[in-house]
């Protein structure tokens, strides 16, 4: 039969149901926030430990990690499509074993794409690092770092698929346990791998890459065990048969490719903005890094709320409940706005103590404080676009959001940043003004898109009506 939306006179913005939905969203999002922070913490640990090896090793890890991240977001975005697919199946009451068939087959796709990812990184490591003009030693170390961490590509793709499967089912405890376990393993194995211990020769900067690979494998082991023993996940019978190629896997690409392009567009906006900062000298770059690092840490909260919103909207879409689906999205966007005001207030009222956690150099600290003031406004629009994007993913609506974000970041944000920094006296603040302009357009466009999409939750606006 067709799962269609039931007409409902209920107002999705009624205060009491909206607050109840917000509470459900937070319950779902809380473990995801911790999981996201754990994943970010792995990079922080690598950076701190590599810093003890000296300037060359730290530069190699920084360059290698940034180059890796540019490919990382592509595959992460692609597999984010698994969450709304599973959520809609769950909401529609599809048999757990049938959802398990889809997820099992997705693992075959993950292995295939992981192998492609590994091959591409190994092929492009030398030419990409070679054009950066680094010293010979740093270039050699950065290339070795990339080729080593590429061994983690297939385990990572498997983790992406399994994690999004867990989220689509509403089982967010497992990503939390997996993320924290990976963080702990990464910290423990880094010591012998980087510095040498227990008879193991230190591998220096390359040791941080091996530490990440091992931590990702530990994360994959947690997911594998969870699908065997956690009651909800066990009902999918993931291990009941072998995976096989299925036509339904094309839905992963159909929904996931626009998500990947959206994530890449945003990631590249900030990376290229950082390159524009390099024109103004080391102190400006350091101040920019402080502000963007704090804003990025804060962003883990609305990002996680957006992930939870995808699940809540998707499950209600699958159940065919128009009002509940609309309400879930508005609750997520509202939570994003509430957190945006909170974090913006902290940045405006206490920039000094925040910057003091990073540096005591007066000229760097003074500029970082000014960047944080702009980051407060930046944060508001960033939270809104993240949660609105999550709500739209719940409808499997990804093509129009992709267009909105590409226009916002590449036709508004980046040109504004480049123009202000190169053709005016605004200086480095122009980069942040460009960020704000791009995020404002993205937030406005995505919220308006959600307003329209939630009123007409059918295939005519780019979503898909679930067939069961």
Protein backbone atom coordinates (compact mmCIF):
# COMPACT_ATOMS: atom_id res chain seq x y z
CA UNK A 1 0.00 0.00 0.00
CA UNK A 2 1.02 3.65 -0.25
CA UNK A 3 2.06 5.49 2.88
CA UNK A 4 0.54 8.89 2.25
CA UNK A 5 0.23 11.86 4.55
CA UNK A 6 -2.88 11.92 6.63
CA UNK A 7 -4.71 15.25 6.50
CA UNK A 8 -4.69 16.88 9.88
CA UNK A 9 -6.13 20.07 11.30
CA UNK A 10 -3.63 20.11 14.11
CA UNK A 11 -1.38 23.14 14.21
CA UNK A 12 2.25 21.94 14.12
CA UNK A 13 3.29 25.11 15.98
CA UNK A 14 1.00 24.63 18.99
CA UNK A 15 3.21 25.44 22.01
CA UNK A 16 2.65 22.37 24.17
CA UNK A 17 3.18 19.71 21.46
CA UNK A 18 6.11 21.74 20.11
CA UNK A 19 7.82 21.75 23.52
CA UNK A 20 7.20 18.02 23.93
CA UNK A 21 8.78 17.42 20.51
CA UNK A 22 11.76 19.60 21.46
CA UNK A 23 12.33 17.45 24.55
CA UNK A 24 12.26 14.29 22.43
CA UNK A 25 14.72 15.88 20.01
CA UNK A 26 17.13 16.75 22.83
CA UNK A 27 16.95 13.23 24.25
CA UNK A 28 17.94 11.93 20.83
CA UNK A 29 20.55 14.64 20.20
CA UNK A 30 22.39 14.55 23.56
CA UNK A 31 24.38 11.35 22.84
CA UNK A 32 25.12 12.62 19.33
CA UNK A 33 26.60 15.84 20.73
CA UNK A 34 28.97 13.82 22.90
CA UNK A 35 29.80 11.54 19.96
CA UNK A 36 30.61 14.51 17.70
CA UNK A 37 32.81 16.11 20.37
CA UNK A 38 34.62 12.79 20.84
CA UNK A 39 35.40 12.65 17.13
CA UNK A 40 36.67 16.24 17.12
CA UNK A 41 38.71 15.38 20.22
CA UNK A 42 40.67 12.76 18.28
CA UNK A 43 42.07 15.44 15.97
CA UNK A 44 42.83 17.68 18.96
CA UNK A 45 44.80 14.87 20.64
CA UNK A 46 46.77 14.22 17.44
CA UNK A 47 47.61 17.91 17.11
CA UNK A 48 48.79 18.28 20.71
CA UNK A 49 50.91 15.12 20.59
CA UNK A 50 52.42 15.98 17.20
CA UNK A 51 53.29 19.43 18.52
CA UNK A 52 55.71 17.86 20.97
CA UNK A 53 57.71 16.46 18.07
CA UNK A 54 58.51 19.91 16.73
CA UNK A 55 57.43 22.35 14.07
CA UNK A 56 57.99 20.05 11.08
CA UNK A 57 55.94 17.16 12.46
CA UNK A 58 53.12 19.50 13.53
CA UNK A 59 53.01 21.12 10.09
CA UNK A 60 52.96 17.70 8.37
CA UNK A 61 50.08 16.47 10.53
CA UNK A 62 48.15 19.71 10.04
CA UNK A 63 48.57 19.68 6.25
CA UNK A 64 47.90 15.94 5.97
CA UNK A 65 44.83 16.11 8.18
CA UNK A 66 43.37 19.05 6.24
CA UNK A 67 43.93 17.27 2.92
CA UNK A 68 42.32 14.11 4.34
CA UNK A 69 39.35 16.11 5.64
CA UNK A 70 38.51 17.36 2.15
CA UNK A 71 37.87 13.78 1.03
CA UNK A 72 36.44 12.72 4.40
CA UNK A 73 33.46 15.07 4.13
CA UNK A 74 32.52 13.67 0.71
CA UNK A 75 31.98 10.13 1.97
CA UNK A 76 30.55 11.26 5.31
CA UNK A 77 27.95 13.32 3.44
CA UNK A 78 27.12 10.50 1.05
CA UNK A 79 26.30 8.05 3.86
CA UNK A 80 24.26 10.65 5.76
CA UNK A 81 21.49 9.62 3.35
CA UNK A 82 21.17 6.32 5.24
CA UNK A 83 19.62 8.04 8.28
CA UNK A 84 16.47 9.46 6.61
CA UNK A 85 16.01 6.28 4.54
CA UNK A 86 16.05 4.11 7.66
CA UNK A 87 13.99 6.64 9.64
CA UNK A 88 11.20 6.68 7.05
CA UNK A 89 11.18 2.87 6.91
CA UNK A 90 10.97 2.74 10.71
CA UNK A 91 8.13 5.26 10.85
CA UNK A 92 6.20 3.35 8.19
CA UNK A 93 6.43 0.16 10.24
CA UNK A 94 8.54 -1.74 7.71
CA UNK A 95 9.70 -5.11 9.01
CA UNK A 96 12.99 -4.79 10.91
CA UNK A 97 14.53 -7.61 8.88
CA UNK A 98 13.69 -5.72 5.66
CA UNK A 99 15.47 -2.62 6.97
CA UNK A 100 18.31 -4.94 7.96
CA UNK A 101 18.53 -6.15 4.34
CA UNK A 102 18.93 -2.55 3.17
CA UNK A 103 21.57 -1.75 5.77
CA UNK A 104 23.45 -5.00 5.10
CA UNK A 105 23.57 -4.22 1.40
CA UNK A 106 24.72 -0.70 2.21
CA UNK A 107 27.78 -2.25 3.88
CA UNK A 108 28.76 -3.75 0.52
CA UNK A 109 28.57 -0.28 -0.97
CA UNK A 110 30.66 1.04 1.94
CA UNK A 111 33.43 -1.49 1.25
CA UNK A 112 33.46 -0.64 -2.45
CA UNK A 113 33.60 3.11 -1.86
CA UNK A 114 36.18 2.69 0.90
CA UNK A 115 38.52 0.91 -1.48
CA UNK A 116 38.00 3.64 -4.09
CA UNK A 117 38.71 6.28 -1.44
CA UNK A 118 41.95 4.53 -0.43
CA UNK A 119 43.11 4.29 -4.04
CA UNK A 120 42.32 7.94 -4.83
CA UNK A 121 44.16 9.22 -1.75
CA UNK A 122 47.24 7.16 -2.57
CA UNK A 123 47.13 8.36 -6.17
CA UNK A 124 46.73 12.05 -5.34
CA UNK A 125 48.80 12.34 -2.15
CA UNK A 126 52.04 13.34 -3.90
CA UNK A 127 50.61 15.85 -6.42
CA UNK A 128 48.31 17.51 -3.87
CA UNK A 129 50.98 17.93 -1.17
CA UNK A 130 53.63 18.77 -3.77
CA UNK A 131 51.88 21.96 -4.97
CA UNK A 132 51.82 23.48 -1.46
CA UNK A 133 55.46 24.56 -1.51
CA UNK A 134 56.40 22.94 1.81
CA UNK A 135 59.92 21.95 2.81
CA UNK A 136 61.14 18.58 1.54
CA UNK A 137 60.92 17.00 4.99
CA UNK A 138 57.42 18.31 5.69
CA UNK A 139 56.26 17.23 2.24
CA UNK A 140 57.57 13.71 2.76
CA UNK A 141 55.96 13.40 6.19
CA UNK A 142 52.61 14.80 5.01
CA UNK A 143 52.50 12.37 2.08
CA UNK A 144 53.34 9.46 4.39
CA UNK A 145 50.61 10.62 6.79
CA UNK A 146 48.02 10.65 3.97
CA UNK A 147 48.98 7.24 2.62
CA UNK A 148 48.83 5.77 6.12
CA UNK A 149 45.50 7.24 7.19
CA UNK A 150 44.03 6.06 3.86
CA UNK A 151 44.03 2.54 5.36
CA UNK A 152 41.18 3.80 7.54
CA UNK A 153 38.95 4.68 4.57
CA UNK A 154 37.06 1.37 4.35
CA UNK A 155 36.49 1.04 8.13
CA UNK A 156 35.31 4.66 8.15
CA UNK A 157 32.80 4.08 5.35
CA UNK A 158 31.46 1.07 7.26
CA UNK A 159 31.20 3.22 10.40
CA UNK A 160 29.37 5.95 8.46
CA UNK A 161 26.80 3.43 7.21
CA UNK A 162 26.29 1.76 10.59
CA UNK A 163 26.21 5.01 12.53
CA UNK A 164 23.56 6.53 10.28
CA UNK A 165 21.61 3.28 10.48
CA UNK A 166 21.65 3.58 14.27
CA UNK A 167 20.55 7.19 14.11
CA UNK A 168 17.71 6.41 11.70
CA UNK A 169 16.42 3.85 14.20
CA UNK A 170 16.76 6.36 17.03
CA UNK A 171 19.47 4.31 18.78
CA UNK A 172 21.90 7.16 19.50
CA UNK A 173 23.57 5.54 22.51
CA UNK A 174 25.66 3.35 20.23
CA UNK A 175 27.32 6.25 18.32
CA UNK A 176 28.11 7.77 21.71
CA UNK A 177 29.81 4.61 22.99
CA UNK A 178 31.62 4.14 19.68
CA UNK A 179 32.87 7.75 19.61
CA UNK A 180 34.09 7.77 23.20
CA UNK A 181 35.77 4.37 22.74
CA UNK A 182 37.60 5.63 19.65
CA UNK A 183 38.76 8.73 21.53
CA UNK A 184 40.15 6.64 24.40
CA UNK A 185 41.84 4.13 22.07
CA UNK A 186 43.34 6.96 20.03
CA UNK A 187 44.86 8.59 23.11
CA UNK A 188 46.26 5.29 24.40
CA UNK A 189 47.83 4.00 21.19
CA UNK A 190 49.24 7.37 20.17
CA UNK A 191 51.86 7.29 22.90
CA UNK A 192 53.77 4.20 21.69
CA UNK A 193 53.03 4.89 18.03
CA UNK A 194 54.29 8.48 18.08
CA UNK A 195 56.99 8.53 20.73
CA UNK A 196 57.85 4.85 21.12
CA UNK A 197 57.14 2.79 24.25
CA UNK A 198 56.95 -0.81 25.45
CA UNK A 199 59.63 -1.78 22.95
CA UNK A 200 57.75 -0.18 20.06
CA UNK A 201 59.79 2.28 17.94
CA UNK A 202 58.18 5.70 17.67
CA UNK A 203 56.87 6.54 14.20
CA UNK A 204 56.60 10.28 14.76
CA UNK A 205 54.03 12.16 12.70
CA UNK A 206 53.03 9.00 10.82
CA UNK A 207 52.22 7.42 14.19
CA UNK A 208 49.29 9.83 14.57
CA UNK A 209 47.82 8.49 11.33
CA UNK A 210 48.20 4.87 12.50
CA UNK A 211 46.57 5.88 15.79
CA UNK A 212 43.55 7.22 13.91
CA UNK A 213 43.29 4.04 11.82
CA UNK A 214 43.37 1.85 14.93
CA UNK A 215 40.81 4.07 16.69
CA UNK A 216 38.46 3.85 13.68
CA UNK A 217 38.80 0.06 13.69
CA UNK A 218 37.90 0.08 17.39
CA UNK A 219 34.85 2.18 16.56
CA UNK A 220 33.85 -0.31 13.88
CA UNK A 221 34.19 -3.16 16.39
CA UNK A 222 31.77 -1.37 18.75
CA UNK A 223 29.21 -1.04 15.97
CA UNK A 224 29.66 -4.69 14.95
CA UNK A 225 29.10 -5.87 18.52
CA UNK A 226 26.13 -3.54 18.99
CA UNK A 227 24.33 -4.96 15.96
CA UNK A 228 24.83 -8.40 17.47
CA UNK A 229 23.71 -7.68 21.06
CA UNK A 230 21.73 -4.40 21.32
CA UNK A 231 18.02 -5.43 21.21
CA UNK A 232 16.76 -2.91 18.64
CA UNK A 233 19.75 -3.36 16.36
CA UNK A 234 19.75 -7.15 16.77
CA UNK A 235 16.19 -7.27 15.42
CA UNK A 236 17.56 -6.16 12.04
CA UNK A 237 19.36 -9.52 11.73
CA UNK A 238 22.30 -7.84 10.05
CA UNK A 239 24.36 -11.03 10.08
CA UNK A 240 21.59 -13.31 8.79
CA UNK A 241 22.87 -13.46 5.21
CA UNK A 242 25.49 -12.09 2.87
CA UNK A 243 25.18 -8.56 1.46
CA UNK A 244 24.31 -8.21 -2.21
CA UNK A 245 24.02 -5.40 -4.71
CA UNK A 246 20.49 -4.06 -4.83
CA UNK A 247 18.78 -1.41 -6.92
CA UNK A 248 17.64 0.34 -3.73
CA UNK A 249 21.26 1.32 -3.08
CA UNK A 250 20.92 3.91 -5.83
CA UNK A 251 18.73 5.80 -3.35
CA UNK A 252 21.85 6.27 -1.22
CA UNK A 253 23.46 8.08 -4.14
CA UNK A 254 20.30 9.96 -5.15
CA UNK A 255 19.85 11.41 -1.68
CA UNK A 256 23.46 11.32 -0.53
CA UNK A 257 25.24 12.97 -3.47
CA UNK A 258 23.52 16.36 -2.90
CA UNK A 259 24.26 16.07 0.83
CA UNK A 260 27.93 15.41 0.06
CA UNK A 261 28.10 18.43 -2.26
CA UNK A 262 26.42 20.57 0.42
CA UNK A 263 28.91 19.49 3.09
CA UNK A 264 31.86 19.97 0.72
CA UNK A 265 30.65 23.46 -0.25
CA UNK A 266 30.59 24.54 3.39
CA UNK A 267 33.90 22.87 4.29
CA UNK A 268 35.69 24.43 1.33
CA UNK A 269 34.26 27.86 2.14
CA UNK A 270 35.95 27.81 5.53
CA UNK A 271 39.18 26.26 4.23
CA UNK A 272 39.53 28.86 1.48
CA UNK A 273 38.64 31.57 3.97
CA UNK A 274 41.57 30.39 6.07
CA UNK A 275 43.84 30.67 3.02
CA UNK A 276 42.68 34.27 2.50
CA UNK A 277 43.74 34.96 6.08
CA UNK A 278 47.30 33.85 5.30
CA UNK A 279 47.77 37.07 3.32
CA UNK A 280 47.68 39.09 6.57
CA UNK A 281 50.44 37.32 8.49
CA UNK A 282 50.96 34.79 11.27
CA UNK A 283 49.25 36.74 14.07
CA UNK A 284 46.06 37.13 12.04
CA UNK A 285 46.10 33.46 11.08
CA UNK A 286 46.54 32.47 14.73
CA UNK A 287 43.68 34.75 15.85
CA UNK A 288 41.45 33.40 13.10
CA UNK A 289 42.25 29.83 14.09
CA UNK A 290 41.27 30.53 17.70
CA UNK A 291 37.90 32.01 16.76
CA UNK A 292 37.06 29.41 14.14
CA UNK A 293 38.10 26.56 16.43
CA UNK A 294 35.80 27.73 19.23
CA UNK A 295 32.94 28.33 16.80
CA UNK A 296 33.49 24.87 15.31
CA UNK A 297 33.32 23.24 18.73
CA UNK A 298 30.08 25.10 19.47
CA UNK A 299 28.72 24.02 16.08
CA UNK A 300 28.75 20.37 17.21
CA UNK A 301 25.56 21.10 19.19
CA UNK A 302 23.34 22.38 16.35
CA UNK A 303 24.87 19.80 14.02
CA UNK A 304 23.75 17.05 16.39
CA UNK A 305 20.33 18.65 16.81
CA UNK A 306 20.08 18.65 13.01
CA UNK A 307 20.95 14.94 12.89
CA UNK A 308 18.28 14.19 15.50
CA UNK A 309 15.79 16.35 13.60
CA UNK A 310 16.38 14.27 10.47
CA UNK A 311 15.38 11.17 12.40
CA UNK A 312 12.31 12.70 14.05
CA UNK A 313 11.02 14.17 10.77
CA UNK A 314 11.86 11.02 8.82
CA UNK A 315 10.01 8.72 11.20
CA UNK A 316 6.91 10.92 11.08
CA UNK A 317 7.12 11.12 7.30
CA UNK A 318 7.22 7.32 7.18
CA UNK A 319 4.19 7.18 9.48
CA UNK A 320 2.32 9.54 7.14
CA UNK A 321 1.67 12.18 9.82
CA UNK A 322 1.88 15.61 8.21
CA UNK A 323 1.45 17.69 11.36
CA UNK A 324 3.94 15.66 13.39
CA UNK A 325 6.55 15.78 10.62
CA UNK A 326 6.21 19.56 10.31
CA UNK A 327 6.33 19.98 14.08
CA UNK A 328 9.49 17.87 14.39
CA UNK A 329 11.28 20.10 11.92
CA UNK A 330 10.16 23.34 13.54
CA UNK A 331 11.14 22.01 16.97
CA UNK A 332 14.64 21.22 15.69
CA UNK A 333 15.02 24.63 14.05
CA UNK A 334 13.76 26.27 17.24
CA UNK A 335 16.30 24.39 19.33
CA UNK A 336 19.01 25.50 16.92
CA UNK A 337 17.90 29.11 17.29
CA UNK A 338 17.83 28.83 21.10
CA UNK A 339 21.34 27.42 21.23
CA UNK A 340 22.51 30.07 18.75
CA UNK A 341 21.36 32.85 21.08
CA UNK A 342 23.05 31.15 24.03
CA UNK A 343 26.40 30.60 22.30
CA UNK A 344 26.31 34.04 20.68
CA UNK A 345 25.73 35.58 24.10
CA UNK A 346 28.75 33.78 25.52
CA UNK A 347 30.94 34.98 22.64
CA UNK A 348 29.76 38.57 23.04
CA UNK A 349 29.93 38.74 26.82
CA UNK A 350 33.03 36.67 27.57
CA UNK A 351 35.39 36.75 24.57
CA UNK A 352 38.42 37.51 26.76
CA UNK A 353 38.27 34.36 28.92
CA UNK A 354 37.61 32.25 25.81
CA UNK A 355 40.63 33.61 23.97
CA UNK A 356 42.70 33.27 27.16
CA UNK A 357 42.29 29.50 26.93
CA UNK A 358 44.20 29.57 23.63
CA UNK A 359 46.83 32.32 23.87
CA UNK A 360 48.43 34.98 26.04
CA UNK A 361 50.02 36.89 23.15
CA UNK A 362 48.45 40.39 23.30
CA UNK A 363 48.28 41.15 19.56
CA UNK A 364 46.80 37.73 18.79
CA UNK A 365 44.33 37.89 21.68
CA UNK A 366 43.08 41.38 20.76
CA UNK A 367 42.30 40.35 17.18
CA UNK A 368 40.80 37.02 18.24
CA UNK A 369 38.34 38.87 20.49
CA UNK A 370 37.18 40.95 17.50
CA UNK A 371 36.77 37.79 15.43
CA UNK A 372 34.69 36.22 18.22
CA UNK A 373 32.32 39.19 18.17
CA UNK A 374 31.69 38.49 14.50
CA UNK A 375 31.50 34.75 15.27
CA UNK A 376 28.54 35.50 17.55
CA UNK A 377 26.49 36.69 14.57
CA UNK A 378 27.95 33.95 12.38
CA UNK A 379 26.81 31.37 14.96
CA UNK A 380 23.16 32.38 14.75
CA UNK A 381 22.91 31.76 11.01
CA UNK A 382 25.09 28.64 11.18
CA UNK A 383 22.80 27.03 13.78
CA UNK A 384 19.69 27.84 11.73
CA UNK A 385 21.06 26.45 8.48
CA UNK A 386 22.32 23.25 10.17
CA UNK A 387 18.99 22.43 11.79
CA UNK A 388 16.90 23.45 8.77
CA UNK A 389 19.08 21.24 6.59
CA UNK A 390 18.54 18.36 9.02
CA UNK A 391 14.78 18.87 8.92
CA UNK A 392 14.77 18.83 5.11
CA UNK A 393 16.84 15.63 5.03
CA UNK A 394 14.04 13.99 7.02
CA UNK A 395 11.84 14.52 3.94
CA UNK A 396 14.67 13.18 1.73
CA UNK A 397 14.73 16.70 0.30
CA UNK A 398 18.39 17.24 -0.60
CA UNK A 399 18.61 18.62 -4.14
CA UNK A 400 17.13 22.07 -3.51
CA UNK A 401 19.08 22.50 -0.22
CA UNK A 402 22.24 21.67 -2.21
CA UNK A 403 21.46 24.46 -4.70
CA UNK A 404 20.68 26.91 -1.88
CA UNK A 405 23.96 26.22 -0.10
CA UNK A 406 26.08 26.27 -3.26
CA UNK A 407 24.66 29.69 -4.13
CA UNK A 408 25.03 30.94 -0.55
CA UNK A 409 28.61 29.80 -0.02
CA UNK A 410 30.16 30.03 -3.49
CA UNK A 411 28.26 32.89 -5.11
CA UNK A 412 27.77 35.02 -1.99
CA UNK A 413 30.04 34.02 0.90
CA UNK A 414 33.39 33.38 -0.80
CA UNK A 415 33.19 36.25 -3.35
CA UNK A 416 32.22 38.65 -0.53
CA UNK A 417 35.19 37.52 1.56
CA UNK A 418 37.60 37.77 -1.37
CA UNK A 419 36.30 41.18 -2.46
CA UNK A 420 36.44 42.74 1.01
CA UNK A 421 39.91 41.42 1.83
CA UNK A 422 41.48 42.22 -1.56
CA UNK A 423 39.72 45.37 -2.78
CA UNK A 424 38.83 47.30 0.41
CA UNK A 425 40.43 48.42 3.67
CA UNK A 426 38.29 46.08 5.77
CA UNK A 427 41.24 43.69 6.08
CA UNK A 428 40.92 40.24 7.66
CA UNK A 429 37.51 41.05 9.10
CA UNK A 430 36.29 40.78 5.51
CA UNK A 431 36.68 37.01 5.62
CA UNK A 432 34.32 36.79 8.57
CA UNK A 433 31.86 39.18 6.95
CA UNK A 434 31.90 36.86 3.94
CA UNK A 435 31.18 33.89 6.20
CA UNK A 436 28.26 35.76 7.76
CA UNK A 437 26.84 36.76 4.37
CA UNK A 438 27.01 33.21 3.05
CA UNK A 439 25.50 31.66 6.16
CA UNK A 440 22.73 34.28 6.27
CA UNK A 441 21.67 33.44 2.71
CA UNK A 442 21.89 29.69 3.46
CA UNK A 443 19.85 30.00 6.67
CA UNK A 444 17.18 32.17 5.04
CA UNK A 445 16.89 29.94 1.98
CA UNK A 446 16.77 26.67 3.93
CA UNK A 447 14.23 27.90 6.50
CA UNK A 448 11.98 29.18 3.70
CA UNK A 449 12.41 25.89 1.86
CA UNK A 450 11.43 23.98 4.99
CA UNK A 451 8.39 26.19 5.49
CA UNK A 452 7.21 25.33 1.97
CA UNK A 453 8.26 21.67 2.14
CA UNK A 454 6.51 20.96 5.43
CA UNK A 455 3.26 22.35 4.05
CA UNK A 456 3.33 20.08 1.00
CA UNK A 457 5.03 16.85 2.11
CA UNK A 458 4.69 14.98 -1.16
CA UNK A 459 6.81 14.06 -4.15
CA UNK A 460 6.11 17.30 -6.00
CA UNK A 461 8.75 19.26 -4.13
CA UNK A 462 11.64 16.88 -4.56
CA UNK A 463 10.91 14.45 -1.75
CA UNK A 464 9.61 10.95 -2.23
CA UNK A 465 6.43 9.28 -1.09
CA UNK A 466 7.36 6.07 0.64
CA UNK A 467 5.98 2.92 -0.97
CA UNK A 468 5.29 -0.08 1.21
